PDB file of N, CA and C in Angstrom:
ATOM      1  N   UNK A   1     -32.745 -63.612 -18.474  1.00  0.00           N
ATOM      2  CA  UNK A   1     -32.151 -62.856 -17.386  1.00  0.00           C
ATOM      3  C   UNK A   1     -32.782 -61.493 -17.445  1.00  0.00           C
ATOM      4  N   UNK A   2     -33.013 -60.967 -18.742  1.00  0.00           N
ATOM      5  CA  UNK A   2     -33.764 -59.565 -18.680  1.00  0.00           C
ATOM      6  C   UNK A   2     -35.088 -59.448 -18.350  1.00  0.00           C
ATOM      7  N   UNK A   3     -35.827 -60.658 -18.594  1.00  0.00           N
ATOM      8  CA  UNK A   3     -37.304 -60.747 -18.191  1.00  0.00           C
ATOM      9  C   UNK A   3     -37.496 -60.824 -16.795  1.00  0.00           C
ATOM     10  N   UNK A   4     -36.508 -61.362 -16.016  1.00  0.00           N
ATOM     11  CA  UNK A   4     -36.733 -61.542 -14.534  1.00  0.00           C
ATOM     12  C   UNK A   4     -36.423 -60.015 -13.987  1.00  0.00           C
ATOM     13  N   UNK A   5     -35.610 -59.417 -14.468  1.00  0.00           N
ATOM     14  CA  UNK A   5     -35.164 -57.993 -13.867  1.00  0.00           C
ATOM     15  C   UNK A   5     -36.471 -57.198 -14.127  1.00  0.00           C
ATOM     16  N   UNK A   6     -37.082 -57.369 -15.259  1.00  0.00           N
ATOM     17  CA  UNK A   6     -38.074 -56.498 -15.846  1.00  0.00           C
ATOM     18  C   UNK A   6     -39.340 -56.836 -14.758  1.00  0.00           C
ATOM     19  N   UNK A   7     -39.513 -58.295 -14.671  1.00  0.00           N
ATOM     20  CA  UNK A   7     -40.715 -58.510 -13.917  1.00  0.00           C
ATOM     21  C   UNK A   7     -40.517 -58.030 -12.442  1.00  0.00           C
ATOM     22  N   UNK A   8     -39.286 -58.009 -11.872  1.00  0.00           N
ATOM     23  CA  UNK A   8     -38.978 -57.642 -10.564  1.00  0.00           C
ATOM     24  C   UNK A   8     -39.239 -56.031 -10.454  1.00  0.00           C
ATOM     25  N   UNK A   9     -38.763 -55.260 -11.450  1.00  0.00           N
ATOM     26  CA  UNK A   9     -39.064 -53.691 -11.609  1.00  0.00           C
ATOM     27  C   UNK A   9     -40.370 -53.518 -11.687  1.00  0.00           C
ATOM     28  N   UNK A  10     -41.216 -54.282 -12.387  1.00  0.00           N
ATOM     29  CA  UNK A  10     -42.756 -54.336 -12.362  1.00  0.00           C
ATOM     30  C   UNK A  10     -43.428 -54.388 -11.149  1.00  0.00           C
ATOM     31  N   UNK A  11     -43.170 -55.440 -10.584  1.00  0.00           N
ATOM     32  CA  UNK A  11     -43.468 -55.690  -9.106  1.00  0.00           C
ATOM     33  C   UNK A  11     -43.047 -54.755  -8.206  1.00  0.00           C
ATOM     34  N   UNK A  12     -41.936 -54.241  -8.224  1.00  0.00           N
ATOM     35  CA  UNK A  12     -41.507 -53.114  -7.309  1.00  0.00           C
ATOM     36  C   UNK A  12     -42.434 -51.773  -7.734  1.00  0.00           C
ATOM     37  N   UNK A  13     -42.526 -51.557  -8.914  1.00  0.00           N
ATOM     38  CA  UNK A  13     -43.322 -50.372  -9.285  1.00  0.00           C
ATOM     39  C   UNK A  13     -44.658 -50.608  -8.656  1.00  0.00           C
ATOM     40  N   UNK A  14     -45.331 -51.694  -8.977  1.00  0.00           N
ATOM     41  CA  UNK A  14     -46.830 -51.853  -8.582  1.00  0.00           C
ATOM     42  C   UNK A  14     -46.903 -51.780  -7.014  1.00  0.00           C
ATOM     43  N   UNK A  15     -45.896 -52.228  -6.333  1.00  0.00           N
ATOM     44  CA  UNK A  15     -46.023 -52.200  -5.017  1.00  0.00           C
ATOM     45  C   UNK A  15     -45.848 -50.849  -4.300  1.00  0.00           C
ATOM     46  N   UNK A  16     -44.898 -50.089  -5.018  1.00  0.00           N
ATOM     47  CA  UNK A  16     -44.718 -48.604  -4.630  1.00  0.00           C
ATOM     48  C   UNK A  16     -45.948 -47.934  -5.034  1.00  0.00           C
ATOM     49  N   UNK A  17     -46.544 -48.198  -6.181  1.00  0.00           N
ATOM     50  CA  UNK A  17     -47.718 -47.423  -6.577  1.00  0.00           C
ATOM     51  C   UNK A  17     -48.844 -47.728  -5.572  1.00  0.00           C
ATOM     52  N   UNK A  18     -48.923 -49.034  -5.100  1.00  0.00           N
ATOM     53  CA  UNK A  18     -49.964 -49.118  -4.017  1.00  0.00           C
ATOM     54  C   UNK A  18     -49.777 -48.682  -2.744  1.00  0.00           C
ATOM     55  N   UNK A  19     -48.517 -48.694  -2.413  1.00  0.00           N
ATOM     56  CA  UNK A  19     -48.135 -47.856  -0.911  1.00  0.00           C
ATOM     57  C   UNK A  19     -48.476 -46.452  -0.885  1.00  0.00           C
ATOM     58  N   UNK A  20     -48.116 -45.662  -2.416  1.00  0.00           N
ATOM     59  CA  UNK A  20     -48.290 -44.293  -2.521  1.00  0.00           C
ATOM     60  C   UNK A  20     -49.991 -44.022  -2.335  1.00  0.00           C
ATOM     61  N   UNK A  21     -50.499 -44.997  -2.993  1.00  0.00           N
ATOM     62  CA  UNK A  21     -51.974 -44.774  -3.102  1.00  0.00           C
ATOM     63  C   UNK A  21     -52.642 -44.823  -1.789  1.00  0.00           C
ATOM     64  N   UNK A  22     -52.164 -45.749  -1.020  1.00  0.00           N
ATOM     65  CA  UNK A  22     -52.891 -45.967   0.581  1.00  0.00           C
ATOM     66  C   UNK A  22     -52.394 -44.815   1.312  1.00  0.00           C
ATOM     67  N   UNK A  23     -51.250 -44.119   1.203  1.00  0.00           N
ATOM     68  CA  UNK A  23     -50.492 -43.015   1.987  1.00  0.00           C
ATOM     69  C   UNK A  23     -51.616 -41.892   1.403  1.00  0.00           C
ATOM     70  N   UNK A  24     -51.707 -41.758   0.275  1.00  0.00           N
ATOM     71  CA  UNK A  24     -52.587 -40.566  -0.379  1.00  0.00           C
ATOM     72  C   UNK A  24     -54.147 -40.834   0.325  1.00  0.00           C
ATOM     73  N   UNK A  25     -54.566 -41.897   0.208  1.00  0.00           N
ATOM     74  CA  UNK A  25     -55.855 -42.291   1.028  1.00  0.00           C
ATOM     75  C   UNK A  25     -56.117 -41.875   2.466  1.00  0.00           C
ATOM     76  N   UNK A  26     -55.033 -42.118   2.903  1.00  0.00           N
ATOM     77  CA  UNK A  26     -54.965 -41.872   4.546  1.00  0.00           C
ATOM     78  C   UNK A  26     -55.061 -40.290   4.566  1.00  0.00           C
ATOM     79  N   UNK A  27     -54.254 -39.542   3.871  1.00  0.00           N
ATOM     80  CA  UNK A  27     -54.214 -38.036   4.075  1.00  0.00           C
ATOM     81  C   UNK A  27     -55.459 -37.485   3.549  1.00  0.00           C
ATOM     82  N   UNK A  28     -56.206 -38.044   2.629  1.00  0.00           N
ATOM     83  CA  UNK A  28     -57.609 -37.634   2.252  1.00  0.00           C
ATOM     84  C   UNK A  28     -58.658 -38.104   2.818  1.00  0.00           C
ATOM     85  N   UNK A  29     -58.536 -38.862   3.965  1.00  0.00           N
ATOM     86  CA  UNK A  29     -59.690 -39.331   4.633  1.00  0.00           C
ATOM     87  C   UNK A  29     -60.075 -38.036   5.647  1.00  0.00           C
ATOM     88  N   UNK A  30     -60.930 -37.535   5.149  1.00  0.00           N
ATOM     89  CA  UNK A  30     -61.247 -36.294   5.794  1.00  0.00           C
ATOM     90  C   UNK A  30     -61.910 -36.279   7.048  1.00  0.00           C
ATOM     91  N   UNK A  31     -62.878 -37.240   7.236  1.00  0.00           N
ATOM     92  CA  UNK A  31     -63.497 -37.471   8.544  1.00  0.00           C
ATOM     93  C   UNK A  31     -62.285 -37.943   9.584  1.00  0.00           C
ATOM     94  N   UNK A  32     -61.245 -38.622   9.335  1.00  0.00           N
ATOM     95  CA  UNK A  32     -60.229 -38.851  10.140  1.00  0.00           C
ATOM     96  C   UNK A  32     -59.300 -37.752  10.282  1.00  0.00           C
ATOM     97  N   UNK A  33     -59.058 -36.971   9.519  1.00  0.00           N
ATOM     98  CA  UNK A  33     -58.487 -35.853   9.671  1.00  0.00           C
ATOM     99  C   UNK A  33     -59.118 -34.627  10.578  1.00  0.00           C
ATOM    100  N   UNK A  34     -60.365 -34.669  10.279  1.00  0.00           N
ATOM    101  CA  UNK A  34     -61.331 -33.594  11.161  1.00  0.00           C
ATOM    102  C   UNK A  34     -61.319 -34.230  12.606  1.00  0.00           C
ATOM    103  N   UNK A  35     -61.256 -35.415  12.795  1.00  0.00           N
ATOM    104  CA  UNK A  35     -61.149 -35.795  14.177  1.00  0.00           C
ATOM    105  C   UNK A  35     -59.812 -35.607  14.834  1.00  0.00           C
ATOM    106  N   UNK A  36     -58.918 -35.834  14.221  1.00  0.00           N
ATOM    107  CA  UNK A  36     -57.483 -35.301  14.701  1.00  0.00           C
ATOM    108  C   UNK A  36     -57.322 -33.677  14.996  1.00  0.00           C
ATOM    109  N   UNK A  37     -57.801 -33.121  14.055  1.00  0.00           N
ATOM    110  CA  UNK A  37     -57.802 -31.631  14.286  1.00  0.00           C
ATOM    111  C   UNK A  37     -58.724 -31.206  15.539  1.00  0.00           C
ATOM    112  N   UNK A  38     -59.766 -31.830  15.566  1.00  0.00           N
ATOM    113  CA  UNK A  38     -60.860 -31.634  16.804  1.00  0.00           C
ATOM    114  C   UNK A  38     -60.214 -31.896  18.111  1.00  0.00           C
ATOM    115  N   UNK A  39     -59.518 -33.035  18.149  1.00  0.00           N
ATOM    116  CA  UNK A  39     -58.709 -33.533  19.282  1.00  0.00           C
ATOM    117  C   UNK A  39     -57.866 -32.468  19.670  1.00  0.00           C
ATOM    118  N   UNK A  40     -57.026 -32.046  18.616  1.00  0.00           N
ATOM    119  CA  UNK A  40     -55.803 -31.258  19.056  1.00  0.00           C
ATOM    120  C   UNK A  40     -56.521 -29.657  19.480  1.00  0.00           C
ATOM    121  N   UNK A  41     -57.524 -29.326  19.004  1.00  0.00           N
ATOM    122  CA  UNK A  41     -58.160 -27.888  19.440  1.00  0.00           C
ATOM    123  C   UNK A  41     -58.695 -28.250  20.851  1.00  0.00           C
ATOM    124  N   UNK A  42     -59.427 -29.433  20.932  1.00  0.00           N
ATOM    125  CA  UNK A  42     -60.018 -29.391  22.409  1.00  0.00           C
ATOM    126  C   UNK A  42     -59.095 -29.675  23.533  1.00  0.00           C
ATOM    127  N   UNK A  43     -57.786 -30.435  23.103  1.00  0.00           N
ATOM    128  CA  UNK A  43     -56.795 -30.472  24.248  1.00  0.00           C
ATOM    129  C   UNK A  43     -56.206 -29.219  24.473  1.00  0.00           C
ATOM    130  N   UNK A  44     -56.026 -28.425  23.277  1.00  0.00           N
ATOM    131  CA  UNK A  44     -55.161 -27.035  23.722  1.00  0.00           C
ATOM    132  C   UNK A  44     -56.174 -26.206  24.333  1.00  0.00           C
ATOM    133  N   UNK A  45     -57.373 -26.111  24.025  1.00  0.00           N
ATOM    134  CA  UNK A  45     -58.281 -25.344  24.696  1.00  0.00           C
ATOM    135  C   UNK A  45     -58.533 -25.858  26.373  1.00  0.00           C
ATOM    136  N   UNK A  46     -58.342 -27.074  26.214  1.00  0.00           N
ATOM    137  CA  UNK A  46     -58.396 -27.600  27.884  1.00  0.00           C
ATOM    138  C   UNK A  46     -57.140 -27.086  28.643  1.00  0.00           C
ATOM    139  N   UNK A  47     -56.022 -27.051  28.034  1.00  0.00           N
ATOM    140  CA  UNK A  47     -54.937 -26.508  28.800  1.00  0.00           C
ATOM    141  C   UNK A  47     -55.022 -25.210  29.138  1.00  0.00           C
ATOM    142  N   UNK A  48     -55.406 -24.560  28.100  1.00  0.00           N
ATOM    143  CA  UNK A  48     -55.572 -22.791  28.174  1.00  0.00           C
ATOM    144  C   UNK A  48     -56.795 -22.611  29.404  1.00  0.00           C
ATOM    145  N   UNK A  49     -57.758 -23.158  29.216  1.00  0.00           N
ATOM    146  CA  UNK A  49     -58.794 -22.956  30.357  1.00  0.00           C
ATOM    147  C   UNK A  49     -58.401 -23.258  31.533  1.00  0.00           C
ATOM    148  N   UNK A  50     -57.582 -24.321  31.738  1.00  0.00           N
ATOM    149  CA  UNK A  50     -57.155 -24.769  32.932  1.00  0.00           C
ATOM    150  C   UNK A  50     -55.952 -24.184  33.650  1.00  0.00           C
ATOM    151  N   UNK A  51     -55.229 -23.375  32.815  1.00  0.00           N
ATOM    152  CA  UNK A  51     -54.180 -22.391  33.040  1.00  0.00           C
ATOM    153  C   UNK A  51     -54.896 -21.110  33.530  1.00  0.00           C
ATOM    154  N   UNK A  52     -55.890 -20.597  32.815  1.00  0.00           N
ATOM    155  CA  UNK A  52     -56.629 -19.558  33.202  1.00  0.00           C
ATOM    156  C   UNK A  52     -57.427 -19.622  34.612  1.00  0.00           C
ATOM    157  N   UNK A  53     -57.902 -20.864  34.973  1.00  0.00           N
ATOM    158  CA  UNK A  53     -58.862 -20.979  35.918  1.00  0.00           C
ATOM    159  C   UNK A  53     -57.773 -20.866  37.282  1.00  0.00           C
ATOM    160  N   UNK A  54     -56.838 -21.692  37.041  1.00  0.00           N
ATOM    161  CA  UNK A  54     -55.571 -21.504  38.114  1.00  0.00           C
ATOM    162  C   UNK A  54     -54.741 -20.350  38.236  1.00  0.00           C
ATOM    163  N   UNK A  55     -54.965 -19.250  37.179  1.00  0.00           N
ATOM    164  CA  UNK A  55     -54.197 -18.155  37.250  1.00  0.00           C
ATOM    165  C   UNK A  55     -52.901 -18.441  36.974  1.00  0.00           C
ATOM    166  N   UNK A  56     -52.400 -19.177  36.147  1.00  0.00           N
ATOM    167  CA  UNK A  56     -51.098 -19.661  35.822  1.00  0.00           C
ATOM    168  C   UNK A  56     -50.553 -18.669  34.927  1.00  0.00           C
ATOM    169  N   UNK A  57     -51.229 -18.048  34.133  1.00  0.00           N
ATOM    170  CA  UNK A  57     -50.488 -16.892  33.267  1.00  0.00           C
ATOM    171  C   UNK A  57     -49.806 -15.912  33.949  1.00  0.00           C
ATOM    172  N   UNK A  58     -50.184 -15.569  35.168  1.00  0.00           N
ATOM    173  CA  UNK A  58     -49.451 -14.503  35.923  1.00  0.00           C
ATOM    174  C   UNK A  58     -48.074 -15.001  36.286  1.00  0.00           C
ATOM    175  N   UNK A  59     -47.922 -16.410  36.264  1.00  0.00           N
ATOM    176  CA  UNK A  59     -46.453 -16.911  36.655  1.00  0.00           C
ATOM    177  C   UNK A  59     -45.573 -17.172  35.386  1.00  0.00           C
ATOM    178  N   UNK A  60     -45.940 -16.806  34.053  1.00  0.00           N
ATOM    179  CA  UNK A  60     -45.120 -17.028  32.819  1.00  0.00           C
ATOM    180  C   UNK A  60     -44.074 -15.874  32.926  1.00  0.00           C
ATOM    181  N   UNK A  61     -43.019 -16.361  32.496  1.00  0.00           N
ATOM    182  CA  UNK A  61     -41.933 -15.282  32.297  1.00  0.00           C
ATOM    183  C   UNK A  61     -42.330 -13.855  31.702  1.00  0.00           C
ATOM    184  N   UNK A  62     -43.300 -13.904  30.667  1.00  0.00           N
ATOM    185  CA  UNK A  62     -43.636 -12.814  29.862  1.00  0.00           C
ATOM    186  C   UNK A  62     -44.778 -12.046  30.639  1.00  0.00           C
ATOM    187  N   UNK A  63     -45.267 -12.512  31.825  1.00  0.00           N
ATOM    188  CA  UNK A  63     -46.083 -11.762  32.554  1.00  0.00           C
ATOM    189  C   UNK A  63     -45.367 -10.817  33.573  1.00  0.00           C
ATOM    190  N   UNK A  64     -44.119 -10.896  33.645  1.00  0.00           N
ATOM    191  CA  UNK A  64     -43.333  -9.933  34.628  1.00  0.00           C
ATOM    192  C   UNK A  64     -42.643  -8.811  33.904  1.00  0.00           C
ATOM    193  N   UNK A  65     -42.869  -8.911  32.625  1.00  0.00           N
ATOM    194  CA  UNK A  65     -42.279  -7.933  31.585  1.00  0.00           C
ATOM    195  C   UNK A  65     -42.686  -6.633  31.924  1.00  0.00           C
ATOM    196  N   UNK A  66     -41.640  -5.561  31.955  1.00  0.00           N
ATOM    197  CA  UNK A  66     -41.993  -4.295  32.345  1.00  0.00           C
ATOM    198  C   UNK A  66     -43.271  -3.710  31.378  1.00  0.00           C
ATOM    199  N   UNK A  67     -43.381  -3.953  30.322  1.00  0.00           N
ATOM    200  CA  UNK A  67     -44.228  -3.453  29.195  1.00  0.00           C
ATOM    201  C   UNK A  67     -45.543  -3.958  29.376  1.00  0.00           C
ATOM    202  N   UNK A  68     -45.607  -4.986  30.148  1.00  0.00           N
ATOM    203  CA  UNK A  68     -47.015  -5.550  30.360  1.00  0.00           C
ATOM    204  C   UNK A  68     -47.691  -4.845  31.268  1.00  0.00           C
ATOM    205  N   UNK A  69     -49.092  -4.405  30.822  1.00  0.00           N
ATOM    206  CA  UNK A  69     -49.857  -3.498  31.624  1.00  0.00           C
ATOM    207  C   UNK A  69     -50.557  -4.367  32.554  1.00  0.00           C
ATOM    208  N   UNK A  70     -50.413  -3.993  34.041  1.00  0.00           N
ATOM    209  CA  UNK A  70     -51.230  -4.724  35.146  1.00  0.00           C
ATOM    210  C   UNK A  70     -52.039  -3.952  35.628  1.00  0.00           C
ATOM    211  N   UNK A  71     -53.527  -4.450  35.236  1.00  0.00           N
ATOM    212  CA  UNK A  71     -54.691  -3.405  35.750  1.00  0.00           C
ATOM    213  C   UNK A  71     -55.059  -3.943  36.900  1.00  0.00           C
TER     214      UNK A  71
END
């Protein structure tokens, strides 16, 4: 009985180590990480440039604040 429990514990430990290793490899996959960062930056810039071209910044609640200088 004790050997079966030990085998199960070893198998669980090995499976857990494999899962942690694969998760670690996914985080350290620098080209994939760089692609996600580049995508996020590009989409953020797209939204900001669209707002700027449509002059939507003037409609934001902070744009009507009395301390905002309007030139």
